[in-house]
Protein backbone atom coordinates (compact mmCIF):
# COMPACT_ATOMS: atom_id res chain seq x y z
CA MET A 1 19.23 9.02 61.07
CA TYR A 2 21.53 7.65 58.39
CA ALA A 3 21.11 4.67 56.06
CA SER A 4 22.03 1.27 57.43
CA LEU A 5 25.23 -0.20 56.00
CA HIS A 6 23.73 -3.71 56.08
CA GLN A 7 20.57 -2.69 54.22
CA LYS A 8 22.57 -0.81 51.57
CA MET A 9 24.88 -3.79 51.02
CA GLU A 10 21.90 -6.05 50.45
CA GLN A 11 20.72 -3.75 47.64
CA LEU A 12 24.01 -4.00 45.74
CA PRO A 13 24.95 -6.71 43.23
CA PRO A 14 27.26 -9.42 44.63
CA ASP A 15 31.03 -8.97 44.34
CA TYR A 16 32.62 -9.84 40.99
CA LYS A 17 33.00 -13.61 40.92
CA GLU A 18 36.72 -13.98 40.18
CA GLU A 19 39.70 -13.24 42.40
CA MET A 20 41.81 -10.64 40.59
CA LEU A 21 45.04 -10.19 42.57
CA THR A 22 46.91 -13.04 40.87
CA SER A 23 46.06 -11.72 37.39
CA ILE A 24 46.95 -8.16 38.39
CA ARG A 25 50.31 -9.32 39.78
CA GLU A 26 51.11 -11.25 36.61
CA GLU A 27 50.26 -8.32 34.35
CA PHE A 28 52.07 -5.84 36.56
CA THR A 29 55.19 -8.00 36.75
CA LYS A 30 55.23 -8.35 32.97
CA SER A 31 55.06 -4.57 32.60
CA GLY A 32 58.26 -4.18 34.63
CA LYS A 33 57.04 -0.84 35.99
CA THR A 34 57.31 0.75 39.43
CA ILE A 35 54.35 2.40 41.14
CA VAL A 36 55.58 5.69 42.57
CA VAL A 37 53.29 7.10 45.25
CA LEU A 38 53.52 10.82 45.92
CA ASP A 39 52.07 10.89 49.41
CA ASP A 40 50.77 14.17 50.81
CA ASP A 41 51.25 12.88 54.37
CA PRO A 42 52.93 9.73 55.76
CA THR A 43 49.71 7.89 56.55
CA GLY A 44 49.47 6.74 52.91
CA THR A 45 51.82 3.85 53.74
CA GLN A 46 49.11 2.39 55.98
CA THR A 47 48.13 -0.50 53.67
CA SER A 48 51.57 -1.37 52.29
CA TYR A 49 54.41 -3.57 53.51
CA ASP A 50 58.03 -4.34 52.60
CA VAL A 51 58.32 -1.13 50.60
CA THR A 52 60.63 1.87 50.88
CA VAL A 53 59.47 5.38 51.68
CA LEU A 54 61.70 8.35 50.82
CA THR A 55 61.34 11.60 52.73
CA ALA A 56 63.69 13.47 50.38
CA TRP A 57 63.52 13.71 46.60
CA ARG A 58 66.96 14.41 45.22
CA VAL A 59 67.30 13.01 41.71
CA GLU A 60 70.17 10.71 42.71
CA LEU A 61 68.22 9.33 45.69
CA ILE A 62 65.13 8.51 43.59
CA THR A 63 67.32 7.12 40.79
CA GLU A 64 69.13 4.82 43.22
CA GLU A 65 65.82 3.35 44.41
CA LEU A 66 64.31 3.02 40.92
CA ARG A 67 67.37 1.09 39.73
CA LYS A 68 66.37 -1.60 42.24
CA LYS A 69 63.12 -1.98 40.23
CA PRO A 70 60.79 -2.06 43.25
CA ALA A 71 57.11 -2.78 42.75
CA VAL A 72 56.18 0.26 44.88
CA LEU A 73 58.14 3.32 45.99
CA PHE A 74 56.72 6.04 48.25
CA ILE A 75 57.89 9.63 48.22
CA LEU A 76 56.59 11.60 51.20
CA THR A 77 55.77 15.14 50.07
CA ASN A 78 53.79 16.19 53.17
CA SER A 79 52.20 18.77 50.88
CA ARG A 80 48.95 18.77 52.83
CA SER A 81 50.72 20.85 55.47
CA LEU A 82 51.49 23.63 52.96
CA PRO A 83 49.47 26.45 51.40
CA GLU A 84 48.31 25.53 47.91
CA GLU A 85 50.83 27.72 46.09
CA GLU A 86 53.73 26.12 47.98
CA ALA A 87 52.27 22.64 47.55
CA VAL A 88 52.07 23.14 43.78
CA ALA A 89 55.67 24.43 43.60
CA LEU A 90 56.88 21.45 45.65
CA THR A 91 54.93 18.98 43.53
CA LEU A 92 56.36 20.45 40.32
CA GLU A 93 59.87 20.08 41.74
CA ILE A 94 59.32 16.48 42.82
CA GLY A 95 57.60 15.62 39.54
CA GLN A 96 60.49 17.00 37.51
CA ASN A 97 63.03 15.13 39.65
CA LEU A 98 60.97 11.96 39.31
CA LYS A 99 60.84 12.33 35.54
CA GLN A 100 64.62 12.74 35.37
CA ALA A 101 65.20 9.82 37.74
CA SER A 102 62.93 7.61 35.63
CA GLN A 103 64.92 8.51 32.53
CA GLU A 104 68.31 8.01 34.19
CA SER A 105 67.32 4.69 35.75
CA GLY A 106 65.49 3.47 32.65
CA GLN A 107 62.57 2.49 34.87
CA GLU A 108 58.99 3.13 33.71
CA ILE A 109 56.63 4.40 36.37
CA VAL A 110 52.94 4.56 37.26
CA VAL A 111 52.14 7.59 39.44
CA ILE A 112 49.63 7.68 42.27
CA SER A 113 48.83 10.91 44.10
CA ARG A 114 47.82 9.50 47.47
CA SER A 115 45.66 11.70 49.64
CA ASP A 116 43.09 11.67 52.41
CA SER A 117 40.10 9.32 52.22
CA THR A 118 37.96 12.02 53.82
CA LEU A 119 38.70 14.34 50.87
CA ARG A 120 41.10 16.79 52.49
CA GLY A 121 43.99 17.90 50.29
CA HIS A 122 45.08 20.10 47.41
CA PHE A 123 42.80 18.85 44.65
CA PRO A 124 42.92 19.42 41.72
CA ALA A 125 46.00 21.67 41.98
CA GLU A 126 48.35 18.93 43.12
CA VAL A 127 47.34 16.41 40.46
CA GLU A 128 47.51 19.04 37.75
CA ALA A 129 51.05 19.93 38.89
CA ILE A 130 52.06 16.26 38.56
CA ALA A 131 50.52 16.15 35.08
CA GLU A 132 52.48 19.25 34.06
CA ALA A 133 55.80 17.99 35.45
CA LEU A 134 55.45 14.57 33.82
CA ALA A 135 54.04 15.91 30.53
CA MET A 136 50.77 14.02 31.15
CA LYS A 137 48.19 16.76 30.70
CA ASP A 138 46.17 14.44 28.46
CA ALA A 139 45.95 11.78 31.19
CA VAL A 140 42.56 10.89 32.66
CA ILE A 141 42.47 11.67 36.39
CA VAL A 142 41.01 8.67 38.22
CA LEU A 143 39.57 9.67 41.60
CA MET A 144 39.04 6.78 44.01
CA PRO A 145 38.98 7.80 47.69
CA ALA A 146 37.56 4.50 48.99
CA PHE A 147 39.62 3.39 51.99
CA ILE A 148 38.27 -0.03 52.87
CA GLU A 149 40.30 -0.46 56.07
CA GLY A 150 38.95 2.79 57.52
CA GLY A 151 35.31 2.40 56.48
CA ARG A 152 35.34 4.98 53.68
CA ILE A 153 33.28 3.74 50.73
CA THR A 154 31.64 5.22 47.64
CA ILE A 155 28.17 4.18 46.43
CA ASP A 156 26.03 5.88 43.76
CA ASP A 157 28.79 8.52 43.50
CA ILE A 158 28.36 9.49 47.19
CA HIS A 159 31.35 9.09 49.48
CA TYR A 160 30.54 7.77 52.94
CA LEU A 161 32.19 7.23 56.28
CA VAL A 162 30.92 4.14 58.10
CA GLU A 163 30.21 4.87 61.77
CA ASN A 164 28.38 2.40 64.03
CA GLN A 165 27.21 0.48 60.96
CA GLU A 166 25.60 3.59 59.47
CA LEU A 167 26.54 5.37 56.24
CA VAL A 168 27.44 8.96 57.08
CA PRO A 169 27.96 11.20 54.01
CA VAL A 170 31.43 12.70 54.44
CA SER A 171 30.07 16.25 54.12
CA ASN A 172 28.26 15.59 57.43
CA THR A 173 31.49 14.71 59.28
CA PRO A 174 34.00 16.95 61.11
CA PHE A 175 36.47 16.41 58.24
CA ALA A 176 34.28 18.47 55.91
CA LYS A 177 34.56 21.38 58.35
CA ASP A 178 38.37 21.44 58.07
CA VAL A 179 39.49 25.08 58.21
CA VAL A 180 41.83 24.58 55.23
CA PHE A 181 40.24 21.83 53.13
CA GLY A 182 36.55 22.05 54.01
CA TYR A 183 33.81 21.21 51.51
CA SER A 184 30.04 20.92 51.29
CA HIS A 185 29.38 17.98 48.91
CA SER A 186 29.52 14.22 49.45
CA ASN A 187 28.55 13.45 45.86
CA LEU A 188 31.97 13.18 44.22
CA LYS A 189 30.80 14.69 40.95
CA ALA A 190 29.50 17.74 42.78
CA TRP A 191 32.66 17.74 44.94
CA VAL A 192 34.82 17.93 41.82
CA GLU A 193 32.78 20.89 40.57
CA GLU A 194 33.14 22.54 43.99
CA LYS A 195 36.90 21.98 44.16
CA THR A 196 37.52 23.12 40.57
CA ARG A 197 35.36 26.20 41.27
CA GLY A 198 33.05 25.27 38.43
CA ARG A 199 35.76 24.78 35.82
CA VAL A 200 34.73 21.11 35.63
CA ARG A 201 30.97 20.70 35.85
CA ALA A 202 29.49 17.75 37.71
CA ALA A 203 27.80 16.62 34.48
CA GLU A 204 31.23 16.38 32.80
CA VAL A 205 32.65 13.99 35.38
CA ASN A 206 32.75 10.31 34.36
CA ALA A 207 31.96 7.52 36.80
CA LEU A 208 32.47 3.79 37.25
CA SER A 209 29.43 2.49 39.10
CA ILE A 210 29.21 -0.53 41.39
CA GLU A 211 27.09 -2.17 38.68
CA ASP A 212 29.80 -1.54 36.03
CA ILE A 213 32.40 -3.11 38.29
CA ARG A 214 30.49 -6.10 39.66
CA ALA A 215 28.29 -7.05 36.71
CA GLY A 216 30.58 -5.91 33.91
CA GLY A 217 33.96 -6.86 35.35
CA PRO A 218 37.36 -5.74 34.02
CA GLU A 219 36.23 -5.64 30.38
CA VAL A 220 33.41 -3.15 30.96
CA VAL A 221 35.64 -1.10 33.29
CA MET A 222 38.37 -1.03 30.65
CA GLU A 223 36.00 0.08 27.88
CA LYS A 224 34.48 2.84 30.01
CA LEU A 225 37.94 4.10 30.94
CA LYS A 226 39.09 4.04 27.32
CA ALA A 227 36.03 6.13 26.41
CA CYS A 228 37.00 8.93 28.83
CA LYS A 229 38.19 12.10 27.11
CA ALA A 230 41.82 13.09 27.48
CA GLY A 231 42.32 15.25 30.57
CA SER A 232 38.90 14.42 32.03
CA ILE A 233 38.08 13.13 35.52
CA CYS A 234 36.58 9.74 36.33
CA ILE A 235 35.33 8.86 39.82
CA VAL A 236 35.27 5.29 41.08
CA ASN A 237 32.57 3.78 43.26
CA ALA A 238 33.92 1.02 45.52
CA VAL A 239 32.90 -0.83 48.67
CA THR A 240 35.22 -3.86 48.83
CA TYR A 241 38.76 -4.89 47.97
CA ARG A 242 37.35 -6.91 45.07
CA ASP A 243 35.78 -3.77 43.59
CA LEU A 244 39.20 -2.10 43.53
CA GLU A 245 40.82 -5.24 42.13
CA VAL A 246 38.41 -5.22 39.19
CA VAL A 247 39.10 -1.52 38.59
CA ALA A 248 42.86 -2.10 38.76
CA MET A 249 42.61 -4.86 36.17
CA GLY A 250 40.50 -2.64 33.92
CA LEU A 251 43.04 0.17 34.27
CA ILE A 252 45.90 -2.15 33.30
CA GLY A 253 43.96 -3.16 30.18
CA ALA A 254 43.25 0.45 29.25
CA GLU A 255 46.90 1.40 29.80
CA LYS A 256 47.98 -1.41 27.47
CA ALA A 257 45.74 0.24 24.88
CA ALA A 258 47.86 3.42 25.28
CA LYS A 259 45.43 5.29 27.53
CA LYS A 260 47.16 7.49 30.11
CA PHE A 261 45.99 7.79 33.73
CA LEU A 262 46.95 9.70 36.84
CA TYR A 263 45.55 8.35 40.09
CA ARG A 264 44.23 10.35 43.04
CA SER A 265 43.44 7.71 45.59
CA SER A 266 43.40 6.60 49.19
CA ALA A 267 45.95 4.12 50.50
CA THR A 268 43.90 0.99 49.75
CA LEU A 269 44.55 1.09 46.02
CA VAL A 270 48.36 1.20 46.26
CA PRO A 271 49.23 -2.46 46.95
CA ILE A 272 46.25 -3.71 44.92
CA ARG A 273 47.52 -1.87 41.82
CA ALA A 274 50.69 -3.97 42.10
CA GLY A 275 48.79 -7.21 42.72
CA MET A 276 49.63 -7.32 46.43
CA LYS A 277 47.21 -8.01 49.24
CA SER A 278 46.22 -4.82 51.00
CA SER A 279 47.06 -4.39 54.70
CA ARG A 280 49.07 -7.48 55.58
CA ILE A 281 49.45 -7.08 59.34
CA TYR A 282 52.91 -6.60 60.84
CA ILE A 283 53.56 -8.88 63.82
CA HIS A 284 55.85 -7.23 66.33
CA ARG A 285 58.81 -9.22 67.68
CA LYS A 286 60.51 -8.51 71.00
CA GLU A 287 63.94 -8.59 69.36
CA ASP A 288 62.97 -5.60 67.17
CA VAL A 289 63.19 -3.33 70.23
CA ARG A 290 66.70 -1.94 70.80
CA SER A 291 66.32 0.11 73.98
CA PRO A 292 65.54 -0.58 77.66
CA ASN A 293 64.00 2.89 78.01
CA GLY A 294 60.32 3.77 78.02
CA CYS A 295 58.33 4.47 74.86
CA LEU A 296 57.35 7.90 73.51
CA VAL A 297 53.92 8.87 72.18
CA VAL A 298 53.55 12.28 70.54
CA VAL A 299 50.01 13.45 69.75
CA GLY A 300 49.51 16.44 67.49
CA SER A 301 46.24 15.60 65.73
CA HIS A 302 43.23 17.46 67.13
CA VAL A 303 40.32 15.64 65.44
CA PRO A 304 37.65 14.29 67.85
CA LYS A 305 38.67 10.67 67.21
CA THR A 306 42.22 11.40 68.36
CA THR A 307 41.03 13.25 71.45
CA GLY A 308 38.95 10.24 72.50
CA GLN A 309 41.88 7.88 71.93
CA LEU A 310 44.25 10.11 73.91
CA SER A 311 41.84 10.28 76.84
CA TRP A 312 41.49 6.50 76.89
CA LEU A 313 45.27 6.02 76.75
CA LEU A 314 45.93 8.37 79.65
CA GLU A 315 43.12 6.89 81.75
CA ASN A 316 43.98 3.24 81.13
CA GLY A 317 47.74 3.14 80.59
CA LYS A 318 50.75 3.89 82.80
CA TYR A 319 52.12 7.05 81.21
CA GLN A 320 53.81 10.21 82.32
CA SER A 321 52.21 13.02 80.31
CA LEU A 322 53.09 16.54 79.26
CA GLU A 323 50.65 18.92 77.59
CA VAL A 324 51.84 21.49 75.07
CA ASN A 325 49.44 24.42 75.45
CA VAL A 326 49.08 25.66 71.88
CA GLY A 327 47.51 28.96 72.89
CA GLU A 328 50.48 29.73 75.14
CA ILE A 329 53.26 28.79 72.74
CA LEU A 330 51.77 31.04 70.07
CA ASP A 331 52.68 33.94 72.37
CA LEU A 332 56.00 32.66 73.76
CA PRO A 333 59.07 34.59 72.54
CA GLU A 334 61.53 31.84 73.58
CA LEU A 335 60.15 28.57 72.26
CA GLU A 336 63.52 26.81 72.30
CA THR A 337 63.86 27.26 76.06
CA GLN A 338 60.44 25.74 76.67
CA ALA A 339 61.11 22.88 74.24
CA ARG A 340 64.44 22.16 75.93
CA ALA A 341 62.76 21.93 79.33
CA ILE A 342 60.24 19.39 78.01
CA SER A 343 63.06 17.39 76.35
CA GLN A 344 65.01 17.23 79.60
CA GLN A 345 62.01 16.06 81.61
CA THR A 346 61.17 13.48 78.94
CA ASP A 347 64.77 12.22 78.99
CA LEU A 348 64.57 11.68 82.74
CA TRP A 349 61.34 9.72 82.49
CA LEU A 350 62.43 7.62 79.50
CA SER A 351 65.76 6.74 81.11
CA ALA A 352 63.92 5.62 84.23
CA GLY A 353 61.84 3.24 82.09
CA HIS A 354 58.66 5.30 82.14
CA ASN A 355 56.43 5.60 79.08
CA VAL A 356 55.81 9.22 78.08
CA VAL A 357 52.98 10.98 76.24
CA ILE A 358 53.53 14.48 74.87
CA HIS A 359 50.33 15.95 73.50
CA THR A 360 49.01 19.28 72.31
CA SER A 361 46.11 20.95 74.05
CA ARG A 362 42.76 19.81 72.72
CA ARG A 363 41.36 23.22 71.83
CA LEU A 364 41.81 23.86 68.10
CA GLU A 365 43.59 27.16 67.49
CA VAL A 366 42.79 28.62 64.07
CA GLY A 367 43.89 31.71 62.18
CA LEU A 368 41.91 34.31 60.29
CA ASP A 369 42.21 32.30 57.06
CA SER A 370 43.52 28.97 55.79
CA ALA A 371 47.06 30.30 55.31
CA SER A 372 47.37 31.55 58.88
CA SER A 373 45.83 28.30 60.18
CA LEU A 374 48.51 26.35 58.33
CA GLN A 375 51.14 28.66 59.88
CA ILE A 376 49.83 27.78 63.34
CA ASN A 377 50.02 24.08 62.46
CA ALA A 378 53.60 24.54 61.26
CA LEU A 379 54.61 26.40 64.44
CA VAL A 380 53.16 23.71 66.68
CA SER A 381 54.72 20.93 64.63
CA GLY A 382 58.07 22.73 64.72
CA PHE A 383 57.83 22.92 68.51
CA LEU A 384 57.25 19.17 68.75
CA VAL A 385 60.21 18.60 66.42
CA SER A 386 62.42 20.72 68.73
CA ILE A 387 61.40 18.54 71.68
CA LEU A 388 62.32 15.34 69.82
CA LYS A 389 65.62 16.76 68.57
CA GLY A 390 66.49 17.67 72.14
CA LEU A 391 66.20 14.10 73.45
CA THR A 392 69.32 12.16 74.38
CA ALA A 393 67.56 9.00 75.61
CA ARG A 394 66.53 6.63 72.83
CA PRO A 395 62.87 5.62 73.31
CA LYS A 396 61.90 1.96 73.09
CA PHE A 397 59.68 2.97 70.15
CA ILE A 398 57.87 6.10 69.00
CA VAL A 399 54.19 6.55 68.16
CA ALA A 400 53.34 9.76 66.28
CA LYS A 401 49.63 10.64 66.10
CA GLY A 402 48.53 12.79 63.17
CA GLY A 403 49.72 13.26 59.59
CA ILE A 404 51.71 16.49 59.86
CA THR A 405 53.07 15.45 63.25
CA SER A 406 54.32 12.07 62.07
CA SER A 407 55.88 13.51 58.92
CA ASP A 408 57.77 16.33 60.62
CA LEU A 409 58.96 14.16 63.51
CA ALA A 410 60.34 11.57 61.07
CA THR A 411 62.00 13.93 58.61
CA LYS A 412 63.07 16.82 60.85
CA GLY A 413 63.11 15.29 64.33
CA LEU A 414 64.77 11.99 63.39
CA SER A 415 66.57 13.24 60.25
CA ALA A 416 65.35 10.25 58.25
CA GLU A 417 65.59 10.35 54.45
CA LYS A 418 64.50 6.75 54.06
CA ALA A 419 62.56 4.12 55.97
CA LEU A 420 61.27 0.60 55.44
CA VAL A 421 57.50 0.17 55.74
CA LEU A 422 57.03 -3.06 57.70
CA GLY A 423 53.24 -3.10 57.45
CA PRO A 424 50.23 -2.01 59.53
CA VAL A 425 50.23 -3.03 63.19
CA ILE A 426 46.43 -2.66 63.14
CA PRO A 427 44.40 -1.81 60.02
CA GLY A 428 45.34 1.68 58.86
CA VAL A 429 48.31 2.21 61.22
CA PRO A 430 51.69 1.57 59.55
CA VAL A 431 55.01 0.78 61.22
CA TRP A 432 58.25 2.12 59.78
CA GLN A 433 61.78 1.04 60.55
CA MET A 434 64.08 4.04 60.29
CA ASP A 435 67.17 3.90 58.09
CA THR A 436 70.60 3.36 59.64
CA ASN A 437 71.49 7.00 58.94
CA SER A 438 68.58 8.40 60.97
CA ARG A 439 69.03 9.92 64.42
CA PHE A 440 67.93 6.73 66.17
CA PRO A 441 69.02 4.04 63.67
CA GLN A 442 66.43 1.33 62.92
CA MET A 443 63.99 2.84 65.39
CA LEU A 444 60.47 1.40 65.14
CA TYR A 445 58.22 4.33 64.32
CA VAL A 446 54.43 4.06 64.30
CA VAL A 447 52.59 6.46 61.99
CA PHE A 448 49.12 6.76 63.51
CA PRO A 449 46.64 8.75 61.38
CA GLY A 450 44.36 11.10 63.26
CA ASN A 451 41.18 9.72 61.74
CA VAL A 452 41.79 5.96 62.14
CA GLY A 453 40.70 3.48 64.80
CA ASP A 454 38.23 3.40 67.67
CA THR A 455 38.48 4.72 71.21
CA THR A 456 40.90 2.06 72.46
CA SER A 457 43.13 1.82 69.36
CA LEU A 458 45.97 4.08 70.50
CA GLU A 459 46.32 2.17 73.76
CA ASP A 460 46.00 -1.14 71.89
CA VAL A 461 48.89 -0.25 69.57
CA CYS A 462 51.15 0.88 72.41
CA ARG A 463 50.44 -2.33 74.31
CA LYS A 464 51.38 -4.45 71.26
CA PHE A 465 54.87 -2.92 71.23
CA ASP A 466 55.44 -2.58 74.97
CA LEU A 467 56.29 -6.24 75.52
């Protein structure tokens, strides 16, 4: 039996009294900076809107975007799909390119390393690689995984997932059992010690408490942040948007006092740091659809939440479905032949106006270690990419379920280097419009995280677009 969310909320001080977004926006605009989000999978765009996401990181491409002086720019690294050594090498490369692009464009930047709100990802290696590439080793690492839209909150240094109005410590969830990124602590200070293998002790980790934020406001937050030692880690407790607004204002004040910060956060912080409302909902218009064909849903995520959503979709919607048996394709010598057959069948259905679901088998196939498990993920994702590349019929829209799946289908399957984030269609589920140079120009592409929504959410999203 877990603690009641309602009872815990009643024990906390009330939200800080003043609305902060207007002040944040004014201060951020005066700074003239761009927030650059290095996103370890494409679901980090889930709270943003009217911003560009790059899926490539050539210096000239980043420079071109920075010269436009955007408030926010995403760069999709998809590093969560890589072994740590490769993720670090990739992050160093992107960081160095970003530094050069910032210099060539003359645009100052604030860097956010966006990662999973259930604590899966290459921490601290990825953040340390950013610090090295940007010559920011003295920056304070601010860790704030609270994802308000998805019911991930932090109280008394413990990170929770809200399920059925109960506070479930994240170490008690399936996400903590991840074969690559598993962990045993919900207390973020202890989690930092665990992830740094004892190099940073829990007692050395700073924290901003709910009381600091709500009773003290931006001034207390700013002073506590300024007091953090160079290169140290500070965790942030947060339950509401207002909590994060107060922290953002305190961070701006500390930065003006020449304190350096690198952010490791969930998606909720991103628009707030620029003074924008988080998660403005995208309203789909019929004229945005450019094809009479059926829609395509591709499901790669294997977490229990996704499995429940897939079952509901297939039971309650009108879909032709194809299962990719992961166990079988691991042993197939000729994957291209099998992928081509699925593409041809999908083409026939789409052209006839049928909606199609392609999904992986629900049994999780794992390797002997984290590296081999990632190789299996890459093989399966590559197979799904081959299916998409083989299509000739343009779907009405595409829904990609899962972080690695949605990243690889966008970048490799649709050959997109750039997309416009239109906003979330439901909380936590962003819609992209592909660039004109992508395989299906201006295609509406729904990035559906594996760990977001309830049982009916996948079917709800598809119904919103299938007008």
